[in-house]
């Protein structure tokens, strides 16, 4: 079993890392750099003209997509939307967005 790198014991050479570990590390880095995220919204009118965006941390809705909580995984966003939809007239929906250049833009509404 390899020791984890610390301040005093850093891994200086990539040759010491197993190919499986390197592959997994690269996959995780690529996953964090992917700009696709998911947000939860409520379509108040049903026509898509007025949407409120869910901020999970404050349990409130905002008028701007910039106020919405970002989810990396769609199934997680869908589970949160389903849990928060119980007992509501309009169910919450999930939108796929991109966060390129620090700006949020909707790619696809549910």
Protein backbone atom coordinates (compact mmCIF):
# COMPACT_ATOMS: atom_id res chain seq x y z
CA UNK A 1 0.00 0.00 0.00
CA UNK A 2 1.40 3.38 -1.04
CA UNK A 3 1.62 6.25 1.38
CA UNK A 4 -0.46 9.33 0.65
CA UNK A 5 1.61 12.40 -0.28
CA UNK A 6 2.07 14.93 2.51
CA UNK A 7 3.96 18.21 2.87
CA UNK A 8 7.13 16.33 3.80
CA UNK A 9 6.57 13.34 1.53
CA UNK A 10 5.44 14.65 -1.88
CA UNK A 11 5.32 12.49 -4.97
CA UNK A 12 7.80 14.13 -7.31
CA UNK A 13 7.53 11.75 -10.24
CA UNK A 14 4.49 10.51 -12.15
CA UNK A 15 6.22 7.14 -12.57
CA UNK A 16 5.34 6.36 -8.98
CA UNK A 17 1.59 6.55 -9.71
CA UNK A 18 -0.18 3.50 -11.02
CA UNK A 19 -1.76 3.76 -14.49
CA UNK A 20 -5.21 3.15 -12.98
CA UNK A 21 -4.74 5.97 -10.48
CA UNK A 22 -3.52 8.35 -13.18
CA UNK A 23 -6.48 7.49 -15.41
CA UNK A 24 -8.96 8.04 -12.57
CA UNK A 25 -7.29 11.32 -11.61
CA UNK A 26 -7.52 12.61 -15.19
CA UNK A 27 -11.18 11.55 -15.40
CA UNK A 28 -12.01 13.43 -12.22
CA UNK A 29 -10.19 16.56 -13.37
CA UNK A 30 -12.05 16.48 -16.70
CA UNK A 31 -15.31 15.99 -14.79
CA UNK A 32 -14.74 19.11 -12.67
CA UNK A 33 -13.85 21.18 -15.73
CA UNK A 34 -17.06 20.19 -17.56
CA UNK A 35 -19.23 23.35 -17.65
CA UNK A 36 -22.55 21.44 -17.79
CA UNK A 37 -24.64 21.73 -14.63
CA UNK A 38 -28.30 21.34 -13.68
CA UNK A 39 -30.62 23.78 -11.89
CA UNK A 40 -34.14 23.48 -10.51
CA UNK A 41 -36.88 25.87 -11.54
CA UNK A 42 -40.60 26.39 -11.18
CA UNK A 43 -42.60 27.35 -14.28
CA UNK A 44 -45.20 29.56 -12.64
CA UNK A 45 -47.47 30.17 -15.64
CA UNK A 46 -47.00 26.86 -17.41
CA UNK A 47 -46.06 28.65 -20.61
CA UNK A 48 -42.39 29.19 -19.77
CA UNK A 49 -42.69 32.97 -19.65
CA UNK A 50 -42.08 33.28 -15.91
CA UNK A 51 -39.65 31.02 -14.07
CA UNK A 52 -38.41 31.04 -10.51
CA UNK A 53 -35.04 29.42 -9.77
CA UNK A 54 -34.54 27.36 -6.59
CA UNK A 55 -31.75 28.20 -4.16
CA UNK A 56 -31.58 25.08 -2.03
CA UNK A 57 -29.31 26.52 0.67
CA UNK A 58 -31.79 29.27 1.58
CA UNK A 59 -34.91 27.30 0.57
CA UNK A 60 -36.06 30.29 -1.47
CA UNK A 61 -36.65 31.14 -5.12
CA UNK A 62 -34.92 33.80 -7.15
CA UNK A 63 -35.90 35.66 -10.30
CA UNK A 64 -32.46 35.13 -11.89
CA UNK A 65 -30.73 31.91 -12.91
CA UNK A 66 -27.64 33.26 -11.13
CA UNK A 67 -29.43 32.68 -7.82
CA UNK A 68 -30.08 28.99 -8.51
CA UNK A 69 -28.18 26.15 -6.86
CA UNK A 70 -25.95 24.27 -9.31
CA UNK A 71 -26.01 20.48 -9.39
CA UNK A 72 -23.30 18.46 -11.10
CA UNK A 73 -25.42 15.34 -11.55
CA UNK A 74 -28.87 15.28 -13.14
CA UNK A 75 -30.25 12.44 -10.96
CA UNK A 76 -29.39 14.43 -7.83
CA UNK A 77 -31.15 17.53 -9.19
CA UNK A 78 -34.18 15.42 -10.13
CA UNK A 79 -34.33 13.87 -6.65
CA UNK A 80 -34.18 17.30 -4.97
CA UNK A 81 -36.85 18.64 -7.35
CA UNK A 82 -39.10 15.66 -6.61
CA UNK A 83 -38.62 16.01 -2.86
CA UNK A 84 -39.45 19.73 -2.98
CA UNK A 85 -42.44 19.21 -5.29
CA UNK A 86 -44.56 17.21 -2.88
CA UNK A 87 -47.77 19.01 -2.01
CA UNK A 88 -47.29 21.69 -4.67
CA UNK A 89 -49.62 22.63 -7.49
CA UNK A 90 -46.78 22.95 -10.03
CA UNK A 91 -44.01 20.41 -9.92
CA UNK A 92 -40.41 21.60 -10.01
CA UNK A 93 -38.38 20.91 -13.13
CA UNK A 94 -34.71 20.55 -14.00
CA UNK A 95 -32.88 22.60 -16.63
CA UNK A 96 -29.53 21.71 -18.17
CA UNK A 97 -27.23 24.73 -18.26
CA UNK A 98 -23.66 25.68 -19.11
CA UNK A 99 -21.40 27.80 -16.96
CA UNK A 100 -18.81 28.77 -19.57
CA UNK A 101 -16.94 32.03 -18.99
CA UNK A 102 -18.63 32.47 -15.62
CA UNK A 103 -22.06 33.01 -17.20
CA UNK A 104 -25.02 30.69 -16.89
CA UNK A 105 -26.96 29.85 -20.03
CA UNK A 106 -29.78 27.33 -20.37
CA UNK A 107 -29.08 24.54 -22.82
CA UNK A 108 -32.31 22.59 -22.36
CA UNK A 109 -35.45 22.93 -20.28
CA UNK A 110 -37.16 19.77 -19.02
